[in-house]
Amino acid sequence: MSLLDLADVVGLLCLLGGAVLCLSAAVGLWRFNDLFSRMHAGSKPQVLGVLLVALGIGLRTRELGDVGMLLVMAACHLITVPVAAQMTGRAALRIGQADSEGPVVRAWEERMAMLESLEEQESRLQEEDADAGQDPWEAWREPERESGAAEQDEPAPQDGPRA
């Protein structure tokens, strides 16, 4: 068996493995119930499956231009699929389409509630400062000015007895 025959066999095995992984991703998208399981099935095995298919094609076709195109395709796939899955999950959390029983959703809801309370506090403080007609930073700087002025008005200590 020559080296080219071995590359053909390994290429066929990669093609077969990649096809099985892509099929498992499709079955996972069809069978899983919740969003996060479907996202996992649509991203993890599918990316590895596409990479194995690209490797198998690259081993079978020994053209430099074809292999370069496969490398570009694999790099784009590695960059875009995880970002798309993360954005899909984030959008589902924001609009409330995720399963509310999971720990991810509870942690997200706690963070969002904390963020909303902080935003409410900030807007309330800005309204109070606007009602008072005062710059909020000015109120923070005033104690420094008063303490500096008080130190300057104090008489300097004198040495020796007073007459």
N, C-alpha and C. Protein backbone atom coordinates (compact mmCIF):
# COMPACT_ATOMS: atom_id res chain seq x y z
N MET A 1 0.86 -1.18 0.00
CA MET A 1 0.00 0.00 0.00
C MET A 1 0.90 1.24 0.00
N SER A 2 0.66 2.10 -0.95
CA SER A 2 1.49 3.29 -1.07
C SER A 2 0.95 4.40 -0.15
N LEU A 3 1.71 5.46 -0.08
CA LEU A 3 1.33 6.60 0.76
C LEU A 3 0.06 7.27 0.23
N LEU A 4 -0.11 7.31 -1.06
CA LEU A 4 -1.32 7.91 -1.64
C LEU A 4 -2.55 7.06 -1.34
N ASP A 5 -2.38 5.74 -1.36
CA ASP A 5 -3.50 4.87 -1.01
C ASP A 5 -3.89 5.04 0.46
N LEU A 6 -2.89 5.20 1.32
CA LEU A 6 -3.17 5.43 2.74
C LEU A 6 -3.89 6.76 2.94
N ALA A 7 -3.49 7.79 2.21
CA ALA A 7 -4.17 9.09 2.30
C ALA A 7 -5.61 8.97 1.83
N ASP A 8 -5.85 8.15 0.80
CA ASP A 8 -7.23 7.93 0.34
C ASP A 8 -8.08 7.25 1.41
N VAL A 9 -7.52 6.25 2.07
CA VAL A 9 -8.26 5.53 3.12
C VAL A 9 -8.55 6.45 4.30
N VAL A 10 -7.55 7.20 4.74
CA VAL A 10 -7.76 8.14 5.85
C VAL A 10 -8.76 9.22 5.45
N GLY A 11 -8.69 9.69 4.21
CA GLY A 11 -9.64 10.68 3.72
C GLY A 11 -11.06 10.15 3.73
N LEU A 12 -11.24 8.89 3.31
CA LEU A 12 -12.57 8.30 3.33
C LEU A 12 -13.09 8.13 4.75
N LEU A 13 -12.20 7.75 5.68
CA LEU A 13 -12.61 7.63 7.09
C LEU A 13 -13.01 8.99 7.66
N CYS A 14 -12.26 10.03 7.30
CA CYS A 14 -12.62 11.38 7.76
C CYS A 14 -13.95 11.82 7.18
N LEU A 15 -14.17 11.53 5.90
CA LEU A 15 -15.46 11.86 5.29
C LEU A 15 -16.60 11.14 5.98
N LEU A 16 -16.41 9.86 6.26
CA LEU A 16 -17.45 9.08 6.92
C LEU A 16 -17.71 9.60 8.34
N GLY A 17 -16.64 9.86 9.09
CA GLY A 17 -16.80 10.40 10.45
C GLY A 17 -17.47 11.76 10.46
N GLY A 18 -17.08 12.63 9.52
CA GLY A 18 -17.70 13.95 9.43
C GLY A 18 -19.17 13.87 9.07
N ALA A 19 -19.50 12.94 8.17
CA ALA A 19 -20.90 12.78 7.78
C ALA A 19 -21.73 12.28 8.96
N VAL A 20 -21.17 11.36 9.75
CA VAL A 20 -21.89 10.85 10.93
C VAL A 20 -22.09 11.97 11.95
N LEU A 21 -21.08 12.79 12.17
CA LEU A 21 -21.23 13.90 13.12
C LEU A 21 -22.25 14.93 12.63
N CYS A 22 -22.24 15.24 11.35
CA CYS A 22 -23.24 16.18 10.82
C CYS A 22 -24.64 15.59 10.92
N LEU A 23 -24.77 14.29 10.70
CA LEU A 23 -26.07 13.64 10.85
C LEU A 23 -26.52 13.67 12.31
N SER A 24 -25.59 13.44 13.24
CA SER A 24 -25.97 13.50 14.66
C SER A 24 -26.39 14.91 15.06
N ALA A 25 -25.76 15.92 14.48
CA ALA A 25 -26.17 17.31 14.75
C ALA A 25 -27.58 17.56 14.24
N ALA A 26 -27.89 17.04 13.06
CA ALA A 26 -29.24 17.22 12.51
C ALA A 26 -30.28 16.49 13.36
N VAL A 27 -29.95 15.29 13.81
CA VAL A 27 -30.88 14.54 14.66
C VAL A 27 -31.07 15.26 16.00
N GLY A 28 -29.99 15.82 16.54
CA GLY A 28 -30.10 16.57 17.79
C GLY A 28 -30.98 17.80 17.65
N LEU A 29 -30.85 18.49 16.54
CA LEU A 29 -31.72 19.65 16.30
C LEU A 29 -33.18 19.24 16.20
N TRP A 30 -33.41 18.07 15.68
CA TRP A 30 -34.78 17.58 15.49
C TRP A 30 -35.35 17.03 16.79
N ARG A 31 -34.55 16.35 17.61
CA ARG A 31 -35.06 15.63 18.76
C ARG A 31 -35.05 16.42 20.07
N PHE A 32 -34.08 17.28 20.28
CA PHE A 32 -33.97 17.97 21.56
C PHE A 32 -35.09 18.99 21.72
N ASN A 33 -35.50 19.19 22.98
CA ASN A 33 -36.65 20.05 23.25
C ASN A 33 -36.27 21.50 23.52
N ASP A 34 -35.28 21.71 24.36
CA ASP A 34 -35.00 23.09 24.78
C ASP A 34 -33.96 23.75 23.87
N LEU A 35 -33.91 25.04 23.98
CA LEU A 35 -33.08 25.85 23.10
C LEU A 35 -31.60 25.56 23.27
N PHE A 36 -31.13 25.47 24.51
CA PHE A 36 -29.70 25.31 24.73
C PHE A 36 -29.20 23.95 24.26
N SER A 37 -30.00 22.91 24.40
CA SER A 37 -29.60 21.60 23.87
C SER A 37 -29.55 21.63 22.36
N ARG A 38 -30.49 22.30 21.74
CA ARG A 38 -30.47 22.41 20.28
C ARG A 38 -29.28 23.23 19.80
N MET A 39 -28.97 24.29 20.53
CA MET A 39 -27.81 25.09 20.15
C MET A 39 -26.54 24.26 20.25
N HIS A 40 -26.43 23.46 21.30
CA HIS A 40 -25.25 22.61 21.47
C HIS A 40 -25.16 21.61 20.32
N ALA A 41 -26.29 20.98 19.99
CA ALA A 41 -26.30 20.00 18.91
C ALA A 41 -26.01 20.65 17.56
N GLY A 42 -26.43 21.87 17.40
CA GLY A 42 -26.22 22.55 16.12
C GLY A 42 -24.85 23.15 15.96
N SER A 43 -24.10 23.27 17.04
CA SER A 43 -22.80 23.91 16.90
C SER A 43 -21.63 22.95 17.12
N LYS A 44 -21.61 22.23 18.23
CA LYS A 44 -20.42 21.42 18.55
C LYS A 44 -20.17 20.28 17.56
N PRO A 45 -21.07 19.32 17.42
CA PRO A 45 -20.75 18.22 16.49
C PRO A 45 -20.76 18.65 15.03
N GLN A 46 -21.53 19.67 14.72
CA GLN A 46 -21.60 20.12 13.34
C GLN A 46 -20.28 20.74 12.91
N VAL A 47 -19.64 21.51 13.77
CA VAL A 47 -18.36 22.12 13.43
C VAL A 47 -17.30 21.04 13.23
N LEU A 48 -17.24 20.08 14.15
CA LEU A 48 -16.26 19.01 14.02
C LEU A 48 -16.55 18.17 12.77
N GLY A 49 -17.82 17.94 12.49
CA GLY A 49 -18.19 17.19 11.29
C GLY A 49 -17.75 17.89 10.02
N VAL A 50 -17.97 19.18 9.93
CA VAL A 50 -17.56 19.93 8.74
C VAL A 50 -16.04 19.94 8.62
N LEU A 51 -15.33 20.06 9.74
CA LEU A 51 -13.87 20.04 9.69
C LEU A 51 -13.35 18.68 9.23
N LEU A 52 -13.98 17.60 9.70
CA LEU A 52 -13.57 16.27 9.25
C LEU A 52 -13.87 16.06 7.77
N VAL A 53 -15.00 16.54 7.30
CA VAL A 53 -15.32 16.44 5.87
C VAL A 53 -14.30 17.23 5.06
N ALA A 54 -13.95 18.42 5.51
CA ALA A 54 -12.95 19.23 4.80
C ALA A 54 -11.60 18.53 4.79
N LEU A 55 -11.21 17.93 5.91
CA LEU A 55 -9.95 17.19 5.96
C LEU A 55 -9.98 15.99 5.02
N GLY A 56 -11.10 15.28 5.01
CA GLY A 56 -11.22 14.14 4.10
C GLY A 56 -11.14 14.54 2.64
N ILE A 57 -11.80 15.64 2.29
CA ILE A 57 -11.74 16.12 0.90
C ILE A 57 -10.32 16.57 0.57
N GLY A 58 -9.67 17.23 1.53
CA GLY A 58 -8.30 17.68 1.30
C GLY A 58 -7.33 16.53 1.11
N LEU A 59 -7.55 15.42 1.82
CA LEU A 59 -6.68 14.26 1.64
C LEU A 59 -6.96 13.54 0.32
N ARG A 60 -8.18 13.58 -0.14
CA ARG A 60 -8.54 12.90 -1.39
C ARG A 60 -8.12 13.73 -2.61
N THR A 61 -8.35 15.02 -2.58
CA THR A 61 -7.93 15.87 -3.70
C THR A 61 -6.61 16.50 -3.32
N ARG A 62 -5.65 16.35 -4.13
CA ARG A 62 -4.31 16.82 -3.77
C ARG A 62 -3.94 18.10 -4.53
N GLU A 63 -4.93 18.86 -4.91
CA GLU A 63 -4.71 20.14 -5.59
C GLU A 63 -4.48 21.23 -4.55
N LEU A 64 -3.47 22.04 -4.75
CA LEU A 64 -3.14 23.09 -3.79
C LEU A 64 -4.24 24.13 -3.68
N GLY A 65 -4.86 24.50 -4.78
CA GLY A 65 -5.94 25.48 -4.76
C GLY A 65 -7.16 24.98 -4.01
N ASP A 66 -7.47 23.69 -4.18
CA ASP A 66 -8.61 23.11 -3.47
C ASP A 66 -8.36 23.06 -1.97
N VAL A 67 -7.15 22.68 -1.59
CA VAL A 67 -6.82 22.60 -0.16
C VAL A 67 -6.84 23.99 0.47
N GLY A 68 -6.35 24.99 -0.26
CA GLY A 68 -6.40 26.36 0.26
C GLY A 68 -7.82 26.85 0.47
N MET A 69 -8.70 26.53 -0.47
CA MET A 69 -10.10 26.91 -0.33
C MET A 69 -10.75 26.19 0.85
N LEU A 70 -10.40 24.93 1.05
CA LEU A 70 -10.93 24.18 2.20
C LEU A 70 -10.45 24.78 3.52
N LEU A 71 -9.20 25.24 3.55
CA LEU A 71 -8.69 25.88 4.77
C LEU A 71 -9.42 27.18 5.07
N VAL A 72 -9.69 27.96 4.03
CA VAL A 72 -10.44 29.21 4.22
C VAL A 72 -11.85 28.91 4.72
N MET A 73 -12.49 27.90 4.12
CA MET A 73 -13.84 27.52 4.53
C MET A 73 -13.85 27.03 5.99
N ALA A 74 -12.87 26.23 6.36
CA ALA A 74 -12.81 25.72 7.74
C ALA A 74 -12.58 26.86 8.73
N ALA A 75 -11.71 27.80 8.39
CA ALA A 75 -11.45 28.93 9.29
C ALA A 75 -12.70 29.79 9.46
N CYS A 76 -13.39 30.06 8.38
CA CYS A 76 -14.63 30.85 8.48
C CYS A 76 -15.68 30.12 9.31
N HIS A 77 -15.74 28.82 9.14
CA HIS A 77 -16.70 28.02 9.91
C HIS A 77 -16.37 28.05 11.40
N LEU A 78 -15.08 27.92 11.72
CA LEU A 78 -14.66 27.95 13.12
C LEU A 78 -14.93 29.31 13.77
N ILE A 79 -14.90 30.36 13.00
CA ILE A 79 -15.12 31.70 13.56
C ILE A 79 -16.60 32.01 13.70
N THR A 80 -17.41 31.67 12.71
CA THR A 80 -18.79 32.14 12.70
C THR A 80 -19.76 31.29 13.51
N VAL A 81 -19.60 29.99 13.53
CA VAL A 81 -20.59 29.13 14.20
C VAL A 81 -20.65 29.37 15.71
N PRO A 82 -19.53 29.43 16.44
CA PRO A 82 -19.65 29.71 17.88
C PRO A 82 -20.25 31.08 18.19
N VAL A 83 -19.91 32.07 17.39
CA VAL A 83 -20.46 33.41 17.60
C VAL A 83 -21.97 33.41 17.35
N ALA A 84 -22.40 32.73 16.31
CA ALA A 84 -23.83 32.66 16.01
C ALA A 84 -24.59 31.94 17.11
N ALA A 85 -24.02 30.86 17.64
CA ALA A 85 -24.69 30.13 18.73
C ALA A 85 -24.78 30.99 19.98
N GLN A 86 -23.72 31.72 20.29
CA GLN A 86 -23.74 32.58 21.47
C GLN A 86 -24.76 33.70 21.32
N MET A 87 -24.83 34.30 20.16
CA MET A 87 -25.79 35.37 19.93
C MET A 87 -27.23 34.85 19.96
N THR A 88 -27.45 33.65 19.46
CA THR A 88 -28.79 33.06 19.51
C THR A 88 -29.21 32.83 20.95
N GLY A 89 -28.32 32.28 21.76
CA GLY A 89 -28.64 32.06 23.17
C GLY A 89 -28.88 33.35 23.92
N ARG A 90 -28.07 34.35 23.64
CA ARG A 90 -28.25 35.64 24.31
C ARG A 90 -29.57 36.29 23.92
N ALA A 91 -29.91 36.21 22.65
CA ALA A 91 -31.19 36.78 22.20
C ALA A 91 -32.36 36.04 22.83
N ALA A 92 -32.25 34.73 22.94
CA ALA A 92 -33.33 33.95 23.56
C ALA A 92 -33.49 34.31 25.03
N LEU A 93 -32.38 34.53 25.72
CA LEU A 93 -32.48 34.94 27.12
C LEU A 93 -33.11 36.31 27.25
N ARG A 94 -32.74 37.22 26.38
CA ARG A 94 -33.26 38.59 26.48
C ARG A 94 -34.75 38.69 26.19
N ILE A 95 -35.25 37.89 25.26
CA ILE A 95 -36.67 37.98 24.95
C ILE A 95 -37.50 36.97 25.72
N GLY A 96 -36.86 36.16 26.56
CA GLY A 96 -37.59 35.25 27.43
C GLY A 96 -38.02 33.95 26.78
N GLN A 97 -37.35 33.50 25.74
CA GLN A 97 -37.73 32.27 25.06
C GLN A 97 -36.98 31.05 25.58
N ALA A 98 -36.09 31.22 26.53
CA ALA A 98 -35.32 30.09 27.06
C ALA A 98 -36.12 29.39 28.15
N ASP A 99 -35.77 28.13 28.41
CA ASP A 99 -36.42 27.34 29.45
C ASP A 99 -36.12 27.98 30.80
N SER A 100 -37.15 28.32 31.56
CA SER A 100 -36.95 29.06 32.81
C SER A 100 -36.53 28.18 33.97
N GLU A 101 -36.38 26.88 33.77
CA GLU A 101 -36.00 25.98 34.85
C GLU A 101 -34.49 25.85 34.99
N GLY A 102 -33.74 26.21 34.00
CA GLY A 102 -32.30 25.99 34.01
C GLY A 102 -31.55 27.00 34.85
N PRO A 103 -30.35 26.62 35.33
CA PRO A 103 -29.55 27.55 36.14
C PRO A 103 -29.03 28.73 35.34
N VAL A 104 -28.85 28.56 34.04
CA VAL A 104 -28.37 29.67 33.21
C VAL A 104 -29.39 30.80 33.19
N VAL A 105 -30.65 30.43 33.06
CA VAL A 105 -31.71 31.44 32.99
C VAL A 105 -31.87 32.14 34.33
N ARG A 106 -31.79 31.38 35.42
CA ARG A 106 -31.92 32.01 36.74
C ARG A 106 -30.78 32.99 36.98
N ALA A 107 -29.56 32.61 36.64
CA ALA A 107 -28.42 33.52 36.81
C ALA A 107 -28.59 34.75 35.93
N TRP A 108 -29.08 34.56 34.71
CA TRP A 108 -29.32 35.69 33.81
C TRP A 108 -30.37 36.63 34.39
N GLU A 109 -31.45 36.07 34.92
CA GLU A 109 -32.51 36.91 35.48
C GLU A 109 -32.01 37.69 36.69
N GLU A 110 -31.16 37.06 37.52
CA GLU A 110 -30.59 37.77 38.67
C GLU A 110 -29.71 38.92 38.20
N ARG A 111 -28.89 38.69 37.20
CA ARG A 111 -28.02 39.76 36.68
C ARG A 111 -28.84 40.89 36.08
N MET A 112 -29.88 40.54 35.35
CA MET A 112 -30.71 41.58 34.72
C MET A 112 -31.45 42.39 35.78
N ALA A 113 -31.94 41.72 36.84
CA ALA A 113 -32.62 42.44 37.91
C ALA A 113 -31.66 43.39 38.61
N MET A 114 -30.42 42.94 38.86
CA MET A 114 -29.43 43.79 39.50
C MET A 114 -29.09 44.97 38.60
N LEU A 115 -28.95 44.73 37.31
CA LEU A 115 -28.65 45.81 36.38
C LEU A 115 -29.78 46.83 36.32
N GLU A 116 -31.01 46.36 36.31
CA GLU A 116 -32.15 47.27 36.29
C GLU A 116 -32.22 48.11 37.56
N SER A 117 -31.93 47.49 38.72
CA SER A 117 -31.97 48.27 39.96
C SER A 117 -30.86 49.32 39.97
N LEU A 118 -29.69 48.98 39.44
CA LEU A 118 -28.61 49.96 39.37
C LEU A 118 -28.97 51.11 38.42
N GLU A 119 -29.61 50.79 37.31
CA GLU A 119 -30.02 51.83 36.38
C GLU A 119 -31.09 52.73 37.00
N GLU A 120 -32.01 52.14 37.77
CA GLU A 120 -33.03 52.93 38.45
C GLU A 120 -32.40 53.86 39.47
N GLN A 121 -31.43 53.35 40.24
CA GLN A 121 -30.74 54.19 41.22
C GLN A 121 -30.03 55.35 40.54
N GLU A 122 -29.35 55.05 39.44
CA GLU A 122 -28.62 56.10 38.74
C GLU A 122 -29.57 57.16 38.19
N SER A 123 -30.69 56.73 37.61
CA SER A 123 -31.63 57.72 37.07
C SER A 123 -32.27 58.53 38.19
N ARG A 124 -32.54 57.90 39.34
CA ARG A 124 -33.12 58.63 40.47
C ARG A 124 -32.13 59.67 40.99
N LEU A 125 -30.85 59.29 41.08
CA LEU A 125 -29.84 60.25 41.54
C LEU A 125 -29.68 61.40 40.55
N GLN A 126 -29.74 61.10 39.27
CA GLN A 126 -29.63 62.17 38.28
C GLN A 126 -30.82 63.11 38.35
N GLU A 127 -32.01 62.57 38.60
CA GLU A 127 -33.20 63.41 38.74
C GLU A 127 -33.09 64.29 39.98
N GLU A 128 -32.59 63.73 41.09
CA GLU A 128 -32.43 64.52 42.31
C GLU A 128 -31.42 65.65 42.09
N ASP A 129 -30.32 65.34 41.40
CA ASP A 129 -29.32 66.37 41.13
C ASP A 129 -29.87 67.44 40.19
N ALA A 130 -30.67 67.02 39.22
CA ALA A 130 -31.26 67.99 38.30
C ALA A 130 -32.26 68.87 39.03
N ASP A 131 -33.03 68.28 39.97
CA ASP A 131 -33.99 69.07 40.74
C ASP A 131 -33.27 70.06 41.64
N ALA A 132 -32.14 69.68 42.17
CA ALA A 132 -31.39 70.58 43.05
C ALA A 132 -30.65 71.64 42.24
N GLY A 133 -30.51 71.43 40.94
CA GLY A 133 -29.82 72.40 40.10
C GLY A 133 -28.33 72.40 40.33
N GLN A 134 -27.78 71.27 40.71
CA GLN A 134 -26.38 71.22 41.07
C GLN A 134 -25.72 70.10 40.28
N ASP A 135 -24.49 70.34 39.90
CA ASP A 135 -23.70 69.32 39.23
C ASP A 135 -23.34 68.25 40.27
N PRO A 136 -23.56 66.95 39.98
CA PRO A 136 -23.27 65.92 40.98
C PRO A 136 -21.80 65.88 41.37
N TRP A 137 -20.91 66.24 40.47
CA TRP A 137 -19.49 66.23 40.81
C TRP A 137 -19.14 67.43 41.69
N GLU A 138 -19.90 68.49 41.55
CA GLU A 138 -19.65 69.68 42.37
C GLU A 138 -19.90 69.37 43.84
N ALA A 139 -20.95 68.61 44.13
CA ALA A 139 -21.24 68.24 45.52
C ALA A 139 -20.14 67.36 46.08
N TRP A 140 -19.52 66.60 45.24
CA TRP A 140 -18.45 65.72 45.70
C TRP A 140 -17.18 66.51 45.97
N ARG A 141 -16.97 67.59 45.22
CA ARG A 141 -15.76 68.38 45.39
C ARG A 141 -15.88 69.41 46.51
N GLU A 142 -17.08 69.80 46.90
CA GLU A 142 -17.26 70.84 47.91
C GLU A 142 -16.61 70.52 49.25
N PRO A 143 -16.71 69.30 49.79
CA PRO A 143 -16.04 69.05 51.06
C PRO A 143 -14.54 69.26 50.99
N GLU A 144 -13.91 68.98 49.84
CA GLU A 144 -12.48 69.21 49.71
C GLU A 144 -12.18 70.71 49.79
N ARG A 145 -12.99 71.50 49.14
CA ARG A 145 -12.77 72.94 49.15
C ARG A 145 -12.98 73.51 50.55
N GLU A 146 -14.03 73.04 51.23
CA GLU A 146 -14.30 73.55 52.57
C GLU A 146 -13.20 73.16 53.53
N SER A 147 -12.71 71.92 53.45
CA SER A 147 -11.66 71.50 54.36
C SER A 147 -10.36 72.24 54.04
N GLY A 148 -10.09 72.51 52.77
CA GLY A 148 -8.90 73.26 52.40
C GLY A 148 -8.99 74.70 52.88
N ALA A 149 -10.17 75.29 52.79
CA ALA A 149 -10.35 76.67 53.24
C ALA A 149 -10.26 76.75 54.75
N ALA A 150 -10.75 75.75 55.45
CA ALA A 150 -10.70 75.77 56.91
C ALA A 150 -9.26 75.66 57.38
N GLU A 151 -8.45 74.89 56.69
CA GLU A 151 -7.05 74.76 57.09
C GLU A 151 -6.30 76.06 56.88
N GLN A 152 -6.65 76.81 55.86
CA GLN A 152 -5.95 78.05 55.59
C GLN A 152 -6.35 79.14 56.58
N ASP A 153 -7.56 79.14 57.10
CA ASP A 153 -8.02 80.17 58.01
C ASP A 153 -7.47 79.99 59.43
N GLU A 154 -7.02 78.79 59.77
CA GLU A 154 -6.52 78.56 61.13
C GLU A 154 -5.19 79.29 61.29
N PRO A 155 -4.99 79.89 62.48
CA PRO A 155 -3.70 80.56 62.71
C PRO A 155 -2.59 79.52 62.85
N ALA A 156 -1.42 79.90 62.44
CA ALA A 156 -0.27 79.00 62.54
C ALA A 156 0.13 78.88 64.00
N PRO A 157 0.55 77.70 64.43
CA PRO A 157 0.98 77.54 65.83
C PRO A 157 2.23 78.37 66.10
N GLN A 158 2.28 78.95 67.32
CA GLN A 158 3.42 79.77 67.69
C GLN A 158 4.26 79.02 68.70
N ASP A 159 5.54 79.19 68.57
CA ASP A 159 6.45 78.57 69.53
C ASP A 159 6.68 79.53 70.69
N GLY A 160 6.84 78.95 71.83
CA GLY A 160 7.15 79.76 73.00
C GLY A 160 5.93 80.32 73.68
N PRO A 161 6.16 80.99 74.84
CA PRO A 161 5.04 81.54 75.60
C PRO A 161 4.52 82.81 74.95
N ARG A 162 3.26 83.06 75.21
CA ARG A 162 2.63 84.27 74.70
C ARG A 162 2.77 85.37 75.73
N ALA A 163 2.92 86.54 75.26
CA ALA A 163 3.08 87.66 76.17
C ALA A 163 1.80 88.40 76.40
